[in-house]
Amino acid sequence: MEKGIIGVSGEYFVAAELSQRGYVATLTLKNTPKVDILATNLETGKYFNIQVKTMSVGNNTGWRLGPKDEVVSDIQNHFYIMVNLKGVGLLPEYYVIPQKELAEYIYKDHRSYLERGGKDSSIRVFDPHKRSKDFGGKFKENWELLDSK
């Protein structure tokens, strides 16, 4: 599957999951910086700005992020939802993470990698199955975070 199709499929999965949970979810136009989905809980009036990152089927290395992902956003109610595609006919795995917490984690994790002698690059990795397991575990399928923030 092509990279663009992978990303779009993740956005649609997130929009569908949000809709199932009673949110109104709208995908933004392509090239909208930092926000892929605008979502509103009609019962509470809370709204969310969501960036979706999608990992393709069979990817065992985690999500690839960059230096911009380790900068805390000034956008209110900003979340990353990480989508791990499992294959046709299978439901994906989701990680619902406040943007600030992910940015701070990615920043610290990359600095730790450099201190251990890692070579600097523009790649940052979030892998809740291996290296990021302790951090990522609390966000797996944690959709309740949206309305608690």
C-alpha atoms as a PDB file:
ATOM      1  CA  MET A   1       0.000   0.000   0.000  1.00  0.00           C
ATOM      2  CA  GLU A   2       1.329   3.450  -0.888  1.00  0.00           C
ATOM      3  CA  LYS A   3       2.342   5.848   1.878  1.00  0.00           C
ATOM      4  CA  GLY A   4      -0.429   8.359   1.079  1.00  0.00           C
ATOM      5  CA  ILE A   5      -3.081   5.651   1.140  1.00  0.00           C
ATOM      6  CA  ILE A   6      -1.772   4.351   4.485  1.00  0.00           C
ATOM      7  CA  GLY A   7      -2.094   7.812   6.047  1.00  0.00           C
ATOM      8  CA  VAL A   8      -5.568   8.416   4.669  1.00  0.00           C
ATOM      9  CA  SER A   9      -6.793   5.003   5.805  1.00  0.00           C
ATOM     10  CA  GLY A  10      -5.618   5.807   9.346  1.00  0.00           C
ATOM     11  CA  GLU A  11      -7.515   9.092   9.275  1.00  0.00           C
ATOM     12  CA  TYR A  12     -10.702   7.346   8.169  1.00  0.00           C
ATOM     13  CA  PHE A  13     -10.329   4.681  10.855  1.00  0.00           C
ATOM     14  CA  VAL A  14      -9.936   7.386  13.525  1.00  0.00           C
ATOM     15  CA  ALA A  15     -12.916   9.368  12.182  1.00  0.00           C
ATOM     16  CA  ALA A  16     -15.041   6.212  12.215  1.00  0.00           C
ATOM     17  CA  GLU A  17     -13.972   5.321  15.763  1.00  0.00           C
ATOM     18  CA  LEU A  18     -14.744   8.854  16.951  1.00  0.00           C
ATOM     19  CA  SER A  19     -18.154   8.765  15.236  1.00  0.00           C
ATOM     20  CA  GLN A  20     -18.933   5.444  16.909  1.00  0.00           C
ATOM     21  CA  ARG A  21     -18.170   7.105  20.230  1.00  0.00           C
ATOM     22  CA  GLY A  22     -20.603   9.966  19.617  1.00  0.00           C
ATOM     23  CA  TYR A  23     -18.239  12.631  18.275  1.00  0.00           C
ATOM     24  CA  VAL A  24     -18.717  14.632  15.132  1.00  0.00           C
ATOM     25  CA  ALA A  25     -15.466  14.108  13.243  1.00  0.00           C
ATOM     26  CA  THR A  26     -14.408  15.997  10.138  1.00  0.00           C
ATOM     27  CA  LEU A  27     -11.260  15.371   8.134  1.00  0.00           C
ATOM     28  CA  THR A  28      -9.415  18.540   7.221  1.00  0.00           C
ATOM     29  CA  LEU A  29      -8.249  19.362   3.724  1.00  0.00           C
ATOM     30  CA  LYS A  30      -4.871  17.931   2.824  1.00  0.00           C
ATOM     31  CA  ASN A  31      -1.865  20.082   3.698  1.00  0.00           C
ATOM     32  CA  THR A  32      -3.557  21.472   6.808  1.00  0.00           C
ATOM     33  CA  PRO A  33      -0.610  21.742   9.202  1.00  0.00           C
ATOM     34  CA  LYS A  34      -0.737  19.786  12.489  1.00  0.00           C
ATOM     35  CA  VAL A  35      -4.441  18.841  12.321  1.00  0.00           C
ATOM     36  CA  ASP A  36      -5.972  15.988  10.330  1.00  0.00           C
ATOM     37  CA  ILE A  37      -9.326  15.717  12.121  1.00  0.00           C
ATOM     38  CA  LEU A  38     -11.534  18.216  13.939  1.00  0.00           C
ATOM     39  CA  ALA A  39     -13.798  16.476  16.443  1.00  0.00           C
ATOM     40  CA  THR A  40     -16.547  17.683  18.765  1.00  0.00           C
ATOM     41  CA  ASN A  41     -18.411  15.911  21.538  1.00  0.00           C
ATOM     42  CA  LEU A  42     -21.954  17.244  21.127  1.00  0.00           C
ATOM     43  CA  GLU A  43     -22.944  16.247  24.669  1.00  0.00           C
ATOM     44  CA  THR A  44     -20.123  18.124  26.401  1.00  0.00           C
ATOM     45  CA  GLY A  45     -19.276  20.731  23.776  1.00  0.00           C
ATOM     46  CA  LYS A  46     -15.593  19.799  23.972  1.00  0.00           C
ATOM     47  CA  TYR A  47     -13.615  19.933  20.752  1.00  0.00           C
ATOM     48  CA  PHE A  48     -10.349  18.334  19.721  1.00  0.00           C
ATOM     49  CA  ASN A  49      -7.668  18.934  17.138  1.00  0.00           C
ATOM     50  CA  ILE A  50      -6.223  15.596  16.112  1.00  0.00           C
ATOM     51  CA  GLN A  51      -3.050  14.690  14.262  1.00  0.00           C
ATOM     52  CA  VAL A  52      -3.131  11.105  12.952  1.00  0.00           C
ATOM     53  CA  LYS A  53      -0.021   9.006  12.407  1.00  0.00           C
ATOM     54  CA  THR A  54      -0.494   5.633  10.756  1.00  0.00           C
ATOM     55  CA  MET A  55       1.793   2.624  10.810  1.00  0.00           C
ATOM     56  CA  SER A  56       1.452   0.181   7.922  1.00  0.00           C
ATOM     57  CA  VAL A  57       0.699  -3.512   8.235  1.00  0.00           C
ATOM     58  CA  GLY A  58       3.838  -5.447   9.110  1.00  0.00           C
ATOM     59  CA  ASN A  59       5.806  -2.418  10.295  1.00  0.00           C
ATOM     60  CA  ASN A  60       7.719  -3.583  13.368  1.00  0.00           C
ATOM     61  CA  THR A  61       9.809  -0.457  13.901  1.00  0.00           C
ATOM     62  CA  GLY A  62       7.221   1.964  15.283  1.00  0.00           C
ATOM     63  CA  TRP A  63       5.995   5.296  14.045  1.00  0.00           C
ATOM     64  CA  ARG A  64       8.517   7.575  12.376  1.00  0.00           C
ATOM     65  CA  LEU A  65       8.294  11.116  13.668  1.00  0.00           C
ATOM     66  CA  GLY A  66      10.502  14.159  13.187  1.00  0.00           C
ATOM     67  CA  PRO A  67      11.935  17.121  15.082  1.00  0.00           C
ATOM     68  CA  LYS A  68       8.678  19.077  14.640  1.00  0.00           C
ATOM     69  CA  ASP A  69       6.879  16.370  16.629  1.00  0.00           C
ATOM     70  CA  GLU A  70       9.015  17.078  19.704  1.00  0.00           C
ATOM     71  CA  VAL A  71       7.910  20.719  19.870  1.00  0.00           C
ATOM     72  CA  VAL A  72       4.955  21.438  22.172  1.00  0.00           C
ATOM     73  CA  SER A  73       2.100  22.856  20.134  1.00  0.00           C
ATOM     74  CA  ASP A  74       0.205  26.023  20.969  1.00  0.00           C
ATOM     75  CA  ILE A  75      -2.993  24.472  19.589  1.00  0.00           C
ATOM     76  CA  GLN A  76      -5.596  23.852  22.286  1.00  0.00           C
ATOM     77  CA  ASN A  77      -6.934  20.328  22.845  1.00  0.00           C
ATOM     78  CA  HIS A  78      -4.313  18.936  20.501  1.00  0.00           C
ATOM     79  CA  PHE A  79      -3.951  15.146  20.385  1.00  0.00           C
ATOM     80  CA  TYR A  80      -2.014  12.623  18.384  1.00  0.00           C
ATOM     81  CA  ILE A  81      -3.804   9.410  17.582  1.00  0.00           C
ATOM     82  CA  MET A  82      -1.401   6.728  16.468  1.00  0.00           C
ATOM     83  CA  VAL A  83      -2.964   4.016  14.307  1.00  0.00           C
ATOM     84  CA  ASN A  84      -1.375   0.599  13.922  1.00  0.00           C
ATOM     85  CA  LEU A  85      -2.962  -1.088  10.920  1.00  0.00           C
ATOM     86  CA  LYS A  86      -3.356  -4.853  11.332  1.00  0.00           C
ATOM     87  CA  GLY A  87      -4.608  -5.879   7.894  1.00  0.00           C
ATOM     88  CA  VAL A  88      -7.729  -6.116   5.792  1.00  0.00           C
ATOM     89  CA  GLY A  89     -10.736  -7.098   7.897  1.00  0.00           C
ATOM     90  CA  LEU A  90      -8.910  -6.522  11.193  1.00  0.00           C
ATOM     91  CA  LEU A  91      -9.381  -3.592  13.547  1.00  0.00           C
ATOM     92  CA  PRO A  92      -6.358  -1.359  14.080  1.00  0.00           C
ATOM     93  CA  GLU A  93      -4.708  -0.616  17.416  1.00  0.00           C
ATOM     94  CA  TYR A  94      -4.945   3.002  18.617  1.00  0.00           C
ATOM     95  CA  TYR A  95      -2.882   5.187  20.940  1.00  0.00           C
ATOM     96  CA  VAL A  96      -4.596   8.415  22.023  1.00  0.00           C
ATOM     97  CA  ILE A  97      -1.921  10.809  23.283  1.00  0.00           C
ATOM     98  CA  PRO A  98      -2.067  14.477  24.280  1.00  0.00           C
ATOM     99  CA  GLN A  99       0.307  16.303  21.928  1.00  0.00           C
ATOM    100  CA  LYS A 100       2.231  17.945  24.758  1.00  0.00           C
ATOM    101  CA  GLU A 101       2.967  14.624  26.440  1.00  0.00           C
ATOM    102  CA  LEU A 102       4.103  13.008  23.195  1.00  0.00           C
ATOM    103  CA  ALA A 103       6.298  16.002  22.293  1.00  0.00           C
ATOM    104  CA  GLU A 104       7.983  15.965  25.691  1.00  0.00           C
ATOM    105  CA  TYR A 105       8.507  12.198  25.520  1.00  0.00           C
ATOM    106  CA  ILE A 106       9.963  12.288  21.985  1.00  0.00           C
ATOM    107  CA  TYR A 107      12.278  15.163  22.962  1.00  0.00           C
ATOM    108  CA  LYS A 108      13.623  13.336  26.038  1.00  0.00           C
ATOM    109  CA  ASP A 109      13.828   9.981  24.283  1.00  0.00           C
ATOM    110  CA  HIS A 110      15.883  11.432  21.417  1.00  0.00           C
ATOM    111  CA  ARG A 111      18.266  13.223  23.819  1.00  0.00           C
ATOM    112  CA  SER A 112      18.707   9.955  25.717  1.00  0.00           C
ATOM    113  CA  TYR A 113      19.477   8.159  22.450  1.00  0.00           C
ATOM    114  CA  LEU A 114      22.136  10.770  21.612  1.00  0.00           C
ATOM    115  CA  GLU A 115      23.683  10.499  25.098  1.00  0.00           C
ATOM    116  CA  ARG A 116      24.031   6.753  24.575  1.00  0.00           C
ATOM    117  CA  GLY A 117      26.110   7.459  21.477  1.00  0.00           C
ATOM    118  CA  GLY A 118      23.357   7.375  18.864  1.00  0.00           C
ATOM    119  CA  LYS A 119      23.883   9.255  15.624  1.00  0.00           C
ATOM    120  CA  ASP A 120      21.752  12.374  15.249  1.00  0.00           C
ATOM    121  CA  SER A 121      19.203  12.365  12.459  1.00  0.00           C
ATOM    122  CA  SER A 122      15.822  13.846  11.654  1.00  0.00           C
ATOM    123  CA  ILE A 123      14.096  10.576  12.607  1.00  0.00           C
ATOM    124  CA  ARG A 124      12.358  10.149  15.944  1.00  0.00           C
ATOM    125  CA  VAL A 125      10.727   6.809  16.738  1.00  0.00           C
ATOM    126  CA  PHE A 126       7.702   6.058  18.875  1.00  0.00           C
ATOM    127  CA  ASP A 127       7.386   2.315  19.427  1.00  0.00           C
ATOM    128  CA  PRO A 128       4.993   1.355  22.245  1.00  0.00           C
ATOM    129  CA  HIS A 129       5.726  -2.333  21.701  1.00  0.00           C
ATOM    130  CA  LYS A 130       9.448  -2.053  22.456  1.00  0.00           C
ATOM    131  CA  ARG A 131      11.417   1.038  23.440  1.00  0.00           C
ATOM    132  CA  SER A 132       8.435   3.242  24.314  1.00  0.00           C
ATOM    133  CA  LYS A 133       6.454   0.480  26.066  1.00  0.00           C
ATOM    134  CA  ASP A 134       6.184   2.126  29.509  1.00  0.00           C
ATOM    135  CA  PHE A 135       5.137   5.487  28.077  1.00  0.00           C
ATOM    136  CA  GLY A 136       2.869   4.130  25.343  1.00  0.00           C
ATOM    137  CA  GLY A 137       0.993   1.587  27.440  1.00  0.00           C
ATOM    138  CA  LYS A 138      -1.056   4.188  29.284  1.00  0.00           C
ATOM    139  CA  PHE A 139      -2.378   5.591  25.993  1.00  0.00           C
ATOM    140  CA  LYS A 140      -3.359   2.358  24.233  1.00  0.00           C
ATOM    141  CA  GLU A 141      -7.069   2.494  23.355  1.00  0.00           C
ATOM    142  CA  ASN A 142      -7.450   5.300  25.932  1.00  0.00           C
ATOM    143  CA  TRP A 143     -10.213   7.241  24.178  1.00  0.00           C
ATOM    144  CA  GLU A 144     -11.450   8.537  27.561  1.00  0.00           C
ATOM    145  CA  LEU A 145      -8.493  10.927  27.558  1.00  0.00           C
ATOM    146  CA  LEU A 146     -10.233  13.095  25.004  1.00  0.00           C
ATOM    147  CA  ASP A 147     -12.991  14.159  27.364  1.00  0.00           C
ATOM    148  CA  SER A 148     -10.828  14.215  30.477  1.00  0.00           C
ATOM    149  CA  LYS A 149      -8.485  16.956  29.246  1.00  0.00           C
END
